[in-house]
């Protein structure tokens, strides 16, 4: 029996082996050329973007540079998307407009919660925008979008080594070209390389001097005197206190991340393969049996909410007042509402289509609406007694979003061609832009102060220390209150503490970190005095 190689007889295998090896070498050469070409195309742009990113965001999460950072980021990606031939996006104006609005809101608020949520939202919107730019995503279902976003995030991290590898093969390509060049070309190259070497030596020398200056105080003093004598101005503080290392680190990792992101999205087959992966569909009877008891419990609970909480027809447990009964459980109900949405979507994604299952999921969605109403009613009653906080307002907003999301989920239950992801994206984005744009801290302070003026007690510590400077216009309305001398002293103490807070947060504000909310707080403070 003939020995086999690659599934072929020995004679054929020996004849085809050189061809296979040659094809493999050609494939490797093409990959190396692709790496070199990618480095020449991406390296300079990514480096300047990393500098721009660091300039805008280094120790500056909510300054005036943030909207410029968003605009620059969109321009940067648009530039490379055209180079990559990305034409799949139907209409990106909504996504781009939303990101720019979030960038503007970011530099007009002092609330760290809103600033963090803004940055998270912008990251998600950029991911969706990039996916829509490369892929025909209109027919993608919710599960496909989830897979694509996860692959985009984690896949980009797997490519952060690419700049090093691409630089290596780019250098190899240059060496091959140099071997083929004539003597005259070599002479010209040497002149250019000499100029380049001198240019490179300047930042390297600067880097070495910084290290030596930070290592020895006498040497640092000598450098500063030499600098003063040559240029009549001293080194910036961040160059002598070790902060330059953080800046270099931020430039480095932002370069690697954006290079890896562009490398990954350029390989369209990665995302397409993830989206094409089919989810295992189980028999719908499993879900029906699983949901039966849950549905019964939900219906019983919702009946108690209607007749006990809303109508007050049922007898309360011993030791409970109606107000005490109504004010408990809103956070638990909020969690159950979110759990129900996930439960319905999982059942639709992992089980075969069935009318009985659809009816049961619709019933669960209807029960969730009653739970939303119950949680909102309880929260409103709680607020009427204990006033507003950011968390309480956020819960009410979240319940409104859940109610709107449930409407789309019910449509999706009966028509799975419905674009649920796009509906969720538009609904939540518009809802969040509205929530962040109204600066909820201002309205919280205004409501609590109004309650104080009407004789209710107010948590002055929360007003001064927990709310952001967005609340300043409402807080300084306290200067107009005419009250008893005792209460006046308390108000003066609150205002004095708030003055100190405003001064602390606006003390070191520079042109780069200019924030409209903080500036306006200082203006209002000065006007009130």
Protein backbone atom coordinates (compact mmCIF):
# COMPACT_ATOMS: atom_id res chain seq x y z
CA UNK A 1 0.00 0.00 0.00
CA UNK A 2 1.40 3.39 -1.01
CA UNK A 3 2.31 5.84 1.73
CA UNK A 4 -0.06 8.81 1.79
CA UNK A 5 0.87 12.50 1.99
CA UNK A 6 -1.92 15.11 2.18
CA UNK A 7 -4.35 12.31 1.23
CA UNK A 8 -2.51 11.66 -2.10
CA UNK A 9 -0.41 8.70 -3.34
CA UNK A 10 3.35 9.04 -2.83
CA UNK A 11 4.20 9.99 -6.44
CA UNK A 12 1.50 12.69 -6.67
CA UNK A 13 2.38 13.97 -3.20
CA UNK A 14 6.05 14.37 -4.15
CA UNK A 15 5.06 16.31 -7.27
CA UNK A 16 2.58 18.58 -5.44
CA UNK A 17 4.70 19.23 -2.32
CA UNK A 18 6.88 21.97 -3.96
CA UNK A 19 3.77 23.66 -5.32
CA UNK A 20 2.13 23.61 -1.90
CA UNK A 21 5.28 25.01 -0.32
CA UNK A 22 5.51 27.71 -3.02
CA UNK A 23 1.86 28.67 -2.48
CA UNK A 24 2.47 28.84 1.27
CA UNK A 25 5.48 31.12 0.74
CA UNK A 26 3.47 33.38 -1.58
CA UNK A 27 0.70 33.55 1.00
CA UNK A 28 3.18 34.52 3.74
CA UNK A 29 4.76 37.17 1.52
CA UNK A 30 1.35 38.66 0.80
CA UNK A 31 0.57 38.74 4.52
CA UNK A 32 3.89 40.47 5.22
CA UNK A 33 3.21 43.04 2.48
CA UNK A 34 -0.23 43.62 3.96
CA UNK A 35 1.32 44.21 7.40
CA UNK A 36 3.83 46.70 5.97
CA UNK A 37 1.14 48.52 3.99
CA UNK A 38 -1.14 48.70 7.04
CA UNK A 39 1.65 50.15 9.17
CA UNK A 40 2.40 52.85 6.61
CA UNK A 41 -1.30 53.68 6.35
CA UNK A 42 -2.22 53.65 10.06
CA UNK A 43 0.86 54.45 12.14
CA UNK A 44 1.13 58.21 11.57
CA UNK A 45 -2.62 58.83 11.84
CA UNK A 46 -2.95 56.73 14.99
CA UNK A 47 0.03 58.46 16.60
CA UNK A 48 -1.39 61.94 16.01
CA UNK A 49 -4.80 60.74 17.20
CA UNK A 50 -3.16 59.44 20.40
CA UNK A 51 -1.58 62.89 20.93
CA UNK A 52 -4.96 64.53 20.30
CA UNK A 53 -6.71 62.08 22.63
CA UNK A 54 -4.20 62.75 25.41
CA UNK A 55 -4.37 66.51 24.97
CA UNK A 56 -8.17 66.50 25.19
CA UNK A 57 -8.74 63.96 27.96
CA UNK A 58 -5.66 63.82 30.19
CA UNK A 59 -7.00 64.58 33.70
CA UNK A 60 -9.88 66.27 31.93
CA UNK A 61 -13.08 64.21 31.71
CA UNK A 62 -15.55 67.08 31.43
CA UNK A 63 -13.74 70.10 29.98
CA UNK A 64 -14.46 72.17 26.90
CA UNK A 65 -12.11 69.92 24.91
CA UNK A 66 -14.59 67.01 25.12
CA UNK A 67 -16.91 68.04 22.24
CA UNK A 68 -13.80 68.79 20.15
CA UNK A 69 -12.53 65.32 21.03
CA UNK A 70 -15.80 63.79 19.78
CA UNK A 71 -15.64 65.81 16.56
CA UNK A 72 -11.98 64.88 16.01
CA UNK A 73 -12.71 61.20 16.70
CA UNK A 74 -15.55 61.15 14.16
CA UNK A 75 -13.35 62.87 11.57
CA UNK A 76 -10.48 60.43 12.27
CA UNK A 77 -12.64 57.34 11.83
CA UNK A 78 -14.42 58.77 8.78
CA UNK A 79 -11.01 59.35 7.16
CA UNK A 80 -9.97 55.72 7.65
CA UNK A 81 -13.40 54.29 6.91
CA UNK A 82 -13.14 55.81 3.42
CA UNK A 83 -9.67 54.28 3.01
CA UNK A 84 -11.06 50.89 4.02
CA UNK A 85 -13.94 51.29 1.55
CA UNK A 86 -16.66 51.21 4.21
CA UNK A 87 -19.99 51.99 2.53
CA UNK A 88 -22.50 49.82 4.39
CA UNK A 89 -23.99 52.52 6.63
CA UNK A 90 -27.43 53.70 5.51
CA UNK A 91 -27.73 56.82 7.61
CA UNK A 92 -25.26 57.69 10.36
CA UNK A 93 -26.53 61.18 11.15
CA UNK A 94 -28.52 60.08 14.21
CA UNK A 95 -25.53 58.31 15.76
CA UNK A 96 -23.08 61.10 14.97
CA UNK A 97 -25.48 63.81 16.17
CA UNK A 98 -26.13 61.91 19.41
CA UNK A 99 -22.40 61.56 20.11
CA UNK A 100 -21.80 65.28 19.52
CA UNK A 101 -24.71 66.18 21.82
CA UNK A 102 -23.31 63.90 24.52
CA UNK A 103 -19.93 65.59 24.15
CA UNK A 104 -21.56 69.00 24.60
CA UNK A 105 -23.54 67.81 27.62
CA UNK A 106 -20.31 66.45 29.11
CA UNK A 107 -18.74 69.91 29.31
CA UNK A 108 -21.93 71.54 30.62
CA UNK A 109 -22.44 69.31 33.65
CA UNK A 110 -20.52 68.80 36.88
CA UNK A 111 -22.28 65.54 37.83
CA UNK A 112 -19.75 62.69 37.91
CA UNK A 113 -22.58 60.18 37.37
CA UNK A 114 -23.73 61.88 34.16
CA UNK A 115 -20.13 62.29 32.99
CA UNK A 116 -19.49 58.55 33.47
CA UNK A 117 -22.75 57.57 31.75
CA UNK A 118 -22.04 59.97 28.88
CA UNK A 119 -18.67 58.35 28.23
CA UNK A 120 -20.21 54.86 28.37
CA UNK A 121 -22.98 55.88 25.95
CA UNK A 122 -20.46 57.46 23.55
CA UNK A 123 -18.39 54.25 23.54
CA UNK A 124 -21.45 52.13 22.71
CA UNK A 125 -22.58 54.53 19.96
CA UNK A 126 -19.11 54.56 18.38
CA UNK A 127 -19.14 50.74 18.38
CA UNK A 128 -22.58 50.64 16.70
CA UNK A 129 -21.51 53.30 14.20
CA UNK A 130 -18.37 51.38 13.21
CA UNK A 131 -20.31 48.13 12.80
CA UNK A 132 -22.94 49.82 10.66
CA UNK A 133 -20.19 51.36 8.53
CA UNK A 134 -18.73 47.98 7.57
CA UNK A 135 -21.67 45.61 7.61
CA UNK A 136 -25.18 45.37 6.23
CA UNK A 137 -26.64 45.27 9.73
CA UNK A 138 -30.22 46.24 8.94
CA UNK A 139 -31.42 42.62 9.17
CA UNK A 140 -29.41 41.76 12.29
CA UNK A 141 -31.42 40.64 15.28
CA UNK A 142 -30.74 41.62 18.86
CA UNK A 143 -28.56 38.55 19.52
CA UNK A 144 -26.45 39.26 16.43
CA UNK A 145 -25.87 42.83 17.61
CA UNK A 146 -24.82 41.56 21.03
CA UNK A 147 -22.31 39.14 19.48
CA UNK A 148 -20.95 41.78 17.10
CA UNK A 149 -20.41 44.36 19.86
CA UNK A 150 -18.71 41.82 22.13
CA UNK A 151 -16.42 40.68 19.32
CA UNK A 152 -15.60 44.29 18.45
CA UNK A 153 -14.57 45.10 22.03
CA UNK A 154 -12.59 41.97 22.84
CA UNK A 155 -11.31 41.49 19.30
CA UNK A 156 -9.75 44.96 19.32
CA UNK A 157 -7.82 44.08 22.49
CA UNK A 158 -6.43 40.96 20.79
CA UNK A 159 -4.90 43.16 18.07
CA UNK A 160 -2.90 45.55 20.25
CA UNK A 161 0.32 43.69 19.37
CA UNK A 162 -0.20 44.46 15.66
CA UNK A 163 1.73 47.77 15.56
CA UNK A 164 4.92 46.00 16.67
CA UNK A 165 4.55 43.17 14.16
CA UNK A 166 3.52 45.52 11.35
CA UNK A 167 6.49 47.82 12.09
CA UNK A 168 8.83 44.81 11.89
CA UNK A 169 7.60 43.73 8.45
CA UNK A 170 7.51 47.33 7.25
CA UNK A 171 11.17 47.63 8.16
CA UNK A 172 11.90 44.36 6.33
CA UNK A 173 10.23 45.73 3.20
CA UNK A 174 12.36 48.88 3.38
CA UNK A 175 15.53 46.79 3.68
CA UNK A 176 14.63 44.84 0.53
CA UNK A 177 14.02 48.06 -1.38
CA UNK A 178 17.29 49.47 -0.09
CA UNK A 179 19.19 46.44 -1.48
CA UNK A 180 17.73 47.08 -4.94
CA UNK A 181 18.49 50.79 -4.97
CA UNK A 182 21.39 52.36 -6.93
CA UNK A 183 24.43 54.07 -5.36
CA UNK A 184 23.01 57.53 -6.07
CA UNK A 185 19.76 56.62 -4.38
CA UNK A 186 21.71 55.20 -1.45
CA UNK A 187 23.63 58.50 -1.12
CA UNK A 188 20.38 60.47 -1.08
CA UNK A 189 18.89 58.09 1.45
CA UNK A 190 21.94 58.47 3.70
CA UNK A 191 21.58 62.27 3.70
CA UNK A 192 17.90 61.94 4.55
CA UNK A 193 18.65 59.34 7.22
CA UNK A 194 21.33 61.61 8.70
CA UNK A 195 18.81 64.44 9.03
CA UNK A 196 16.27 61.98 10.42
CA UNK A 197 18.81 60.67 12.94
CA UNK A 198 19.57 64.17 14.19
CA UNK A 199 15.85 64.85 14.45
CA UNK A 200 15.31 61.63 16.42
CA UNK A 201 18.22 62.40 18.72
CA UNK A 202 16.61 65.63 19.92
CA UNK A 203 13.55 64.05 21.65
CA UNK A 204 15.70 61.14 22.87
CA UNK A 205 18.19 63.60 24.38
CA UNK A 206 15.28 65.53 25.86
CA UNK A 207 13.94 62.29 27.38
CA UNK A 208 17.38 61.42 28.87
CA UNK A 209 17.75 64.91 30.35
CA UNK A 210 14.32 64.60 31.97
CA UNK A 211 15.28 61.29 33.55
CA UNK A 212 18.60 62.59 34.82
CA UNK A 213 16.99 65.82 36.03
CA UNK A 214 14.38 63.94 38.03
CA UNK A 215 17.09 61.65 39.45
CA UNK A 216 19.36 64.40 40.81
CA UNK A 217 18.24 67.73 42.27
CA UNK A 218 21.56 69.51 41.55
CA UNK A 219 21.58 68.40 37.92
CA UNK A 220 17.93 69.45 37.60
CA UNK A 221 18.76 72.89 39.02
CA UNK A 222 21.62 73.24 36.52
CA UNK A 223 19.30 72.30 33.65
CA UNK A 224 16.68 74.84 34.76
CA UNK A 225 19.30 77.60 35.00
CA UNK A 226 20.65 76.70 31.55
CA UNK A 227 17.11 76.72 30.17
CA UNK A 228 16.40 80.10 31.79
CA UNK A 229 19.57 81.59 30.39
CA UNK A 230 18.84 80.31 26.88
CA UNK A 231 15.10 80.88 26.62
CA UNK A 232 14.25 83.03 29.66
CA UNK A 233 11.53 80.63 30.81
CA UNK A 234 11.55 77.50 32.95
CA UNK A 235 10.47 73.96 32.19
CA UNK A 236 6.74 73.27 32.64
CA UNK A 237 5.91 71.75 35.99
CA UNK A 238 4.56 68.50 34.54
CA UNK A 239 7.99 67.79 32.99
CA UNK A 240 9.81 67.94 36.32
CA UNK A 241 7.34 66.26 38.70
CA UNK A 242 7.11 62.87 36.98
CA UNK A 243 3.71 63.56 35.36
CA UNK A 244 5.26 63.23 31.90
CA UNK A 245 5.41 59.44 32.45
CA UNK A 246 1.60 59.31 32.82
CA UNK A 247 1.22 61.38 29.65
CA UNK A 248 3.53 59.07 27.69
CA UNK A 249 1.67 56.06 29.04
CA UNK A 250 -1.69 57.52 27.95
CA UNK A 251 -0.32 58.28 24.47
CA UNK A 252 1.09 54.74 24.21
CA UNK A 253 -1.99 52.75 25.20
CA UNK A 254 -4.37 54.99 23.21
CA UNK A 255 -2.17 54.45 20.12
CA UNK A 256 -2.21 50.68 20.61
CA UNK A 257 -5.95 50.55 21.21
CA UNK A 258 -6.99 52.65 18.23
CA UNK A 259 -4.51 50.82 15.96
CA UNK A 260 -5.88 47.48 17.17
CA UNK A 261 -9.48 48.67 16.67
CA UNK A 262 -8.83 49.77 13.08
CA UNK A 263 -6.97 46.54 12.36
CA UNK A 264 -9.83 44.43 13.70
CA UNK A 265 -12.68 46.23 11.95
CA UNK A 266 -10.70 46.09 8.71
CA UNK A 267 -11.03 42.28 8.88
CA UNK A 268 -14.75 42.14 8.14
CA UNK A 269 -14.87 38.35 8.15
CA UNK A 270 -14.32 38.23 11.94
CA UNK A 271 -17.59 40.01 12.74
CA UNK A 272 -19.50 38.33 9.89
CA UNK A 273 -18.46 34.89 11.13
CA UNK A 274 -19.64 35.75 14.64
CA UNK A 275 -22.99 37.03 13.38
CA UNK A 276 -23.55 33.98 11.15
CA UNK A 277 -23.14 31.62 14.12
CA UNK A 278 -26.58 30.18 14.74
CA UNK A 279 -28.00 29.91 18.24
CA UNK A 280 -29.29 26.50 19.32
CA UNK A 281 -33.10 26.53 19.35
CA UNK A 282 -34.72 24.28 21.93
CA UNK A 283 -38.24 22.91 21.96
CA UNK A 284 -40.77 25.55 22.99
CA UNK A 285 -42.49 23.12 25.40
CA UNK A 286 -39.51 23.44 27.77
CA UNK A 287 -40.03 27.20 27.99
CA UNK A 288 -43.80 26.84 28.35
CA UNK A 289 -43.39 24.41 31.25
CA UNK A 290 -40.71 26.61 32.80
CA UNK A 291 -42.78 29.79 32.52
CA UNK A 292 -46.11 28.31 33.68
CA UNK A 293 -45.49 28.57 37.44
CA UNK A 294 -43.72 31.92 37.04
CA UNK A 295 -46.71 33.32 35.14
CA UNK A 296 -49.13 32.14 37.82
CA UNK A 297 -47.04 33.83 40.55
CA UNK A 298 -46.82 37.04 38.50
CA UNK A 299 -50.58 37.12 37.93
CA UNK A 300 -51.21 36.61 41.65
CA UNK A 301 -48.72 39.35 42.56
CA UNK A 302 -50.21 41.79 40.03
CA UNK A 303 -53.70 41.11 41.39
CA UNK A 304 -52.48 42.09 44.85
CA UNK A 305 -50.95 45.28 43.43
CA UNK A 306 -54.19 46.27 41.73
CA UNK A 307 -56.59 45.49 44.58
CA UNK A 308 -54.25 46.06 47.53
CA UNK A 309 -51.97 48.94 46.52
CA UNK A 310 -53.85 50.89 43.85
CA UNK A 311 -57.45 50.39 45.05
CA UNK A 312 -56.78 49.70 48.74
CA UNK A 313 -59.50 47.00 48.97
CA UNK A 314 -57.36 44.43 50.81
CA UNK A 315 -56.54 44.23 54.52
CA UNK A 316 -52.90 45.00 55.31
CA UNK A 317 -50.71 42.71 57.49
CA UNK A 318 -50.65 43.49 61.20
CA UNK A 319 -48.35 46.39 62.13
CA UNK A 320 -48.37 47.93 58.62
CA UNK A 321 -49.74 51.31 57.71
CA UNK A 322 -50.78 51.94 54.12
CA UNK A 323 -47.98 54.49 53.66
CA UNK A 324 -45.35 52.11 55.10
CA UNK A 325 -46.63 49.26 52.91
CA UNK A 326 -46.58 51.42 49.79
CA UNK A 327 -43.07 52.75 50.34
CA UNK A 328 -41.23 49.44 50.36
CA UNK A 329 -40.03 47.25 47.53
CA UNK A 330 -39.54 49.65 44.62
CA UNK A 331 -35.91 48.63 44.04
CA UNK A 332 -36.84 44.93 44.13
CA UNK A 333 -39.60 45.56 41.59
CA UNK A 334 -37.21 47.51 39.36
CA UNK A 335 -34.86 44.53 39.35
CA UNK A 336 -37.73 42.13 38.58
CA UNK A 337 -38.79 44.33 35.63
CA UNK A 338 -35.28 44.21 34.16
CA UNK A 339 -35.14 40.46 34.81
CA UNK A 340 -38.45 39.96 32.98
CA UNK A 341 -37.20 41.79 29.88
CA UNK A 342 -34.09 39.58 29.80
CA UNK A 343 -36.24 36.48 30.40
CA UNK A 344 -38.57 37.29 27.50
CA UNK A 345 -35.68 38.03 25.11
CA UNK A 346 -33.84 34.82 26.10
CA UNK A 347 -36.97 32.75 25.51
CA UNK A 348 -37.38 34.32 22.07
CA UNK A 349 -33.72 33.75 21.24
CA UNK A 350 -33.22 30.17 22.47
CA UNK A 351 -36.60 28.49 21.86
CA UNK A 352 -38.53 27.73 18.72
CA UNK A 353 -41.44 29.94 17.74
CA UNK A 354 -44.73 28.84 19.28
CA UNK A 355 -48.05 30.69 19.66
CA UNK A 356 -48.61 29.46 23.22
CA UNK A 357 -45.13 30.61 24.16
CA UNK A 358 -45.77 33.99 22.51
CA UNK A 359 -49.02 34.37 24.44
CA UNK A 360 -47.30 33.49 27.72
CA UNK A 361 -44.47 35.96 27.07
CA UNK A 362 -47.03 38.66 26.24
CA UNK A 363 -48.79 37.96 29.54
CA UNK A 364 -45.49 38.24 31.41
CA UNK A 365 -44.84 41.56 29.64
CA UNK A 366 -48.30 42.78 30.70
CA UNK A 367 -47.58 41.79 34.31
CA UNK A 368 -44.28 43.67 34.03
CA UNK A 369 -46.20 46.82 33.10
CA UNK A 370 -48.19 46.48 36.34
CA UNK A 371 -44.95 45.99 38.27
CA UNK A 372 -43.53 49.14 36.63
CA UNK A 373 -46.61 51.09 37.69
CA UNK A 374 -46.37 49.65 41.21
CA UNK A 375 -42.69 50.54 41.56
CA UNK A 376 -43.25 54.07 40.22
CA UNK A 377 -46.23 54.62 42.54
CA UNK A 378 -44.23 53.43 45.56
CA UNK A 379 -41.29 55.67 44.59
CA UNK A 380 -43.54 58.74 44.21
CA UNK A 381 -45.02 58.13 47.66
CA UNK A 382 -41.53 57.72 49.08
CA UNK A 383 -40.39 60.98 47.46
CA UNK A 384 -43.38 62.84 48.90
CA UNK A 385 -42.09 62.00 52.38
CA UNK A 386 -38.31 61.94 51.95
CA UNK A 387 -37.79 64.33 49.02
CA UNK A 388 -35.62 63.79 45.94
CA UNK A 389 -32.19 62.27 45.43
CA UNK A 390 -30.39 61.51 42.18
CA UNK A 391 -30.95 57.77 42.62
CA UNK A 392 -34.71 58.23 43.08
CA UNK A 393 -34.98 60.39 39.98
CA UNK A 394 -32.85 57.90 38.03
CA UNK A 395 -35.16 55.06 39.11
CA UNK A 396 -38.20 56.96 37.81
CA UNK A 397 -36.41 57.57 34.50
CA UNK A 398 -35.38 53.90 34.31
CA UNK A 399 -38.99 52.82 34.88
CA UNK A 400 -40.15 55.09 32.04
CA UNK A 401 -37.50 53.57 29.76
CA UNK A 402 -38.56 50.05 30.78
CA UNK A 403 -42.17 50.88 29.88
CA UNK A 404 -41.09 52.10 26.42
CA UNK A 405 -38.77 49.13 25.91
CA UNK A 406 -41.56 46.71 26.83
CA UNK A 407 -43.68 48.15 24.02
CA UNK A 408 -40.96 47.23 21.52
CA UNK A 409 -40.48 43.80 23.11
CA UNK A 410 -44.21 42.99 22.75
CA UNK A 411 -44.06 43.94 19.07
CA UNK A 412 -40.98 41.72 18.71
CA UNK A 413 -42.76 38.77 20.36
CA UNK A 414 -45.32 38.66 17.56
CA UNK A 415 -43.15 39.92 14.70
CA UNK A 416 -39.50 38.92 14.95
CA UNK A 417 -38.70 40.84 11.77
CA UNK A 418 -39.24 44.02 13.82
CA UNK A 419 -35.95 45.95 14.24
CA UNK A 420 -35.83 45.68 18.04
CA UNK A 421 -32.20 46.72 18.40
CA UNK A 422 -32.69 49.91 16.41
CA UNK A 423 -35.85 50.66 18.37
CA UNK A 424 -33.97 50.19 21.67
CA UNK A 425 -31.03 52.25 20.44
CA UNK A 426 -33.15 55.22 19.37
CA UNK A 427 -35.50 55.08 22.36
CA UNK A 428 -32.82 54.79 25.05
CA UNK A 429 -30.52 57.33 23.35
CA UNK A 430 -33.24 59.98 23.06
CA UNK A 431 -34.41 59.21 26.59
CA UNK A 432 -30.92 59.51 28.02
CA UNK A 433 -30.12 62.70 26.08
CA UNK A 434 -33.27 64.23 27.55
CA UNK A 435 -32.44 63.03 31.08
CA UNK A 436 -28.82 64.25 30.97
CA UNK A 437 -29.67 67.46 29.14
CA UNK A 438 -32.07 68.76 31.79
CA UNK A 439 -29.36 68.50 34.51
CA UNK A 440 -31.38 66.57 37.11
CA UNK A 441 -29.31 67.85 40.06
CA UNK A 442 -30.75 71.34 39.50
CA UNK A 443 -34.34 70.09 39.65
CA UNK A 444 -33.60 67.91 42.69
CA UNK A 445 -32.20 70.91 44.58
CA UNK A 446 -35.05 73.14 43.45
CA UNK A 447 -37.71 70.64 44.59
CA UNK A 448 -36.05 70.02 47.97
CA UNK A 449 -35.59 73.76 48.63
CA UNK A 450 -39.22 74.41 47.71
CA UNK A 451 -40.26 71.77 50.23
CA UNK A 452 -38.03 73.46 52.81
CA UNK A 453 -39.74 76.79 52.17
CA UNK A 454 -43.11 75.09 52.70
CA UNK A 455 -42.10 73.85 56.13
CA UNK A 456 -40.72 70.39 55.29
CA UNK A 457 -37.30 69.34 56.59
CA UNK A 458 -34.43 69.27 54.07
CA UNK A 459 -31.22 67.25 54.07
CA UNK A 460 -28.78 70.16 53.79
CA UNK A 461 -25.75 67.84 53.82
CA UNK A 462 -27.01 66.06 50.70
CA UNK A 463 -27.71 69.43 49.07
CA UNK A 464 -24.18 70.73 49.66
CA UNK A 465 -21.93 67.67 49.41
CA UNK A 466 -23.72 65.09 47.25
CA UNK A 467 -25.26 67.18 44.49
CA UNK A 468 -23.00 68.60 41.79
CA UNK A 469 -22.55 72.26 40.91
CA UNK A 470 -25.40 71.85 38.41
CA UNK A 471 -27.59 72.61 41.43
CA UNK A 472 -25.92 75.99 42.15
CA UNK A 473 -28.64 78.23 40.58
CA UNK A 474 -31.26 76.56 42.82
CA UNK A 475 -29.08 76.57 45.94
CA UNK A 476 -28.38 80.32 45.74
CA UNK A 477 -32.11 80.96 45.62
CA UNK A 478 -31.85 80.48 49.40
CA UNK A 479 -30.43 84.03 49.62
CA UNK A 480 -33.94 85.32 48.86
CA UNK A 481 -35.54 83.51 51.80
CA UNK A 482 -36.76 85.78 54.61
CA UNK A 483 -37.17 83.66 57.72
CA UNK A 484 -36.62 83.59 61.44
CA UNK A 485 -33.13 84.53 62.71
CA UNK A 486 -32.47 80.92 63.75
CA UNK A 487 -33.36 79.50 60.36
CA UNK A 488 -31.51 82.35 58.66
CA UNK A 489 -28.33 81.34 60.46
CA UNK A 490 -28.77 77.77 59.20
CA UNK A 491 -29.24 78.99 55.62
CA UNK A 492 -26.18 81.23 55.89
CA UNK A 493 -24.15 78.24 57.06
CA UNK A 494 -25.38 76.17 54.06
CA UNK A 495 -24.47 78.97 51.66
CA UNK A 496 -21.03 79.42 53.25
CA UNK A 497 -20.32 75.69 52.84
CA UNK A 498 -21.53 75.83 49.24
CA UNK A 499 -19.32 78.86 48.54
CA UNK A 500 -16.35 76.83 49.74
CA UNK A 501 -17.36 73.94 47.46
CA UNK A 502 -17.66 76.24 44.42
CA UNK A 503 -14.28 77.83 45.15
CA UNK A 504 -12.60 74.42 45.47
CA UNK A 505 -13.99 73.07 42.20
CA UNK A 506 -13.26 76.19 40.15
CA UNK A 507 -9.88 77.04 41.66
CA UNK A 508 -7.59 75.18 39.25
CA UNK A 509 -9.80 75.34 36.16
CA UNK A 510 -7.78 76.09 33.00
CA UNK A 511 -8.78 76.87 29.43
CA UNK A 512 -8.55 73.15 28.60
CA UNK A 513 -10.71 72.06 31.56
CA UNK A 514 -13.27 74.88 31.22
CA UNK A 515 -16.70 73.58 32.22
CA UNK A 516 -19.89 75.58 31.71
CA UNK A 517 -21.60 74.28 34.86
CA UNK A 518 -18.69 75.20 37.12
CA UNK A 519 -18.25 78.63 35.53
CA UNK A 520 -21.96 79.38 35.84
CA UNK A 521 -21.90 78.28 39.51
CA UNK A 522 -19.15 80.81 40.18
CA UNK A 523 -21.10 83.53 38.36
CA UNK A 524 -24.26 82.80 40.37
CA UNK A 525 -22.24 82.80 43.61
CA UNK A 526 -20.77 86.22 42.85
CA UNK A 527 -24.16 87.64 41.89
CA UNK A 528 -25.78 86.43 45.10
CA UNK A 529 -23.27 88.28 47.31
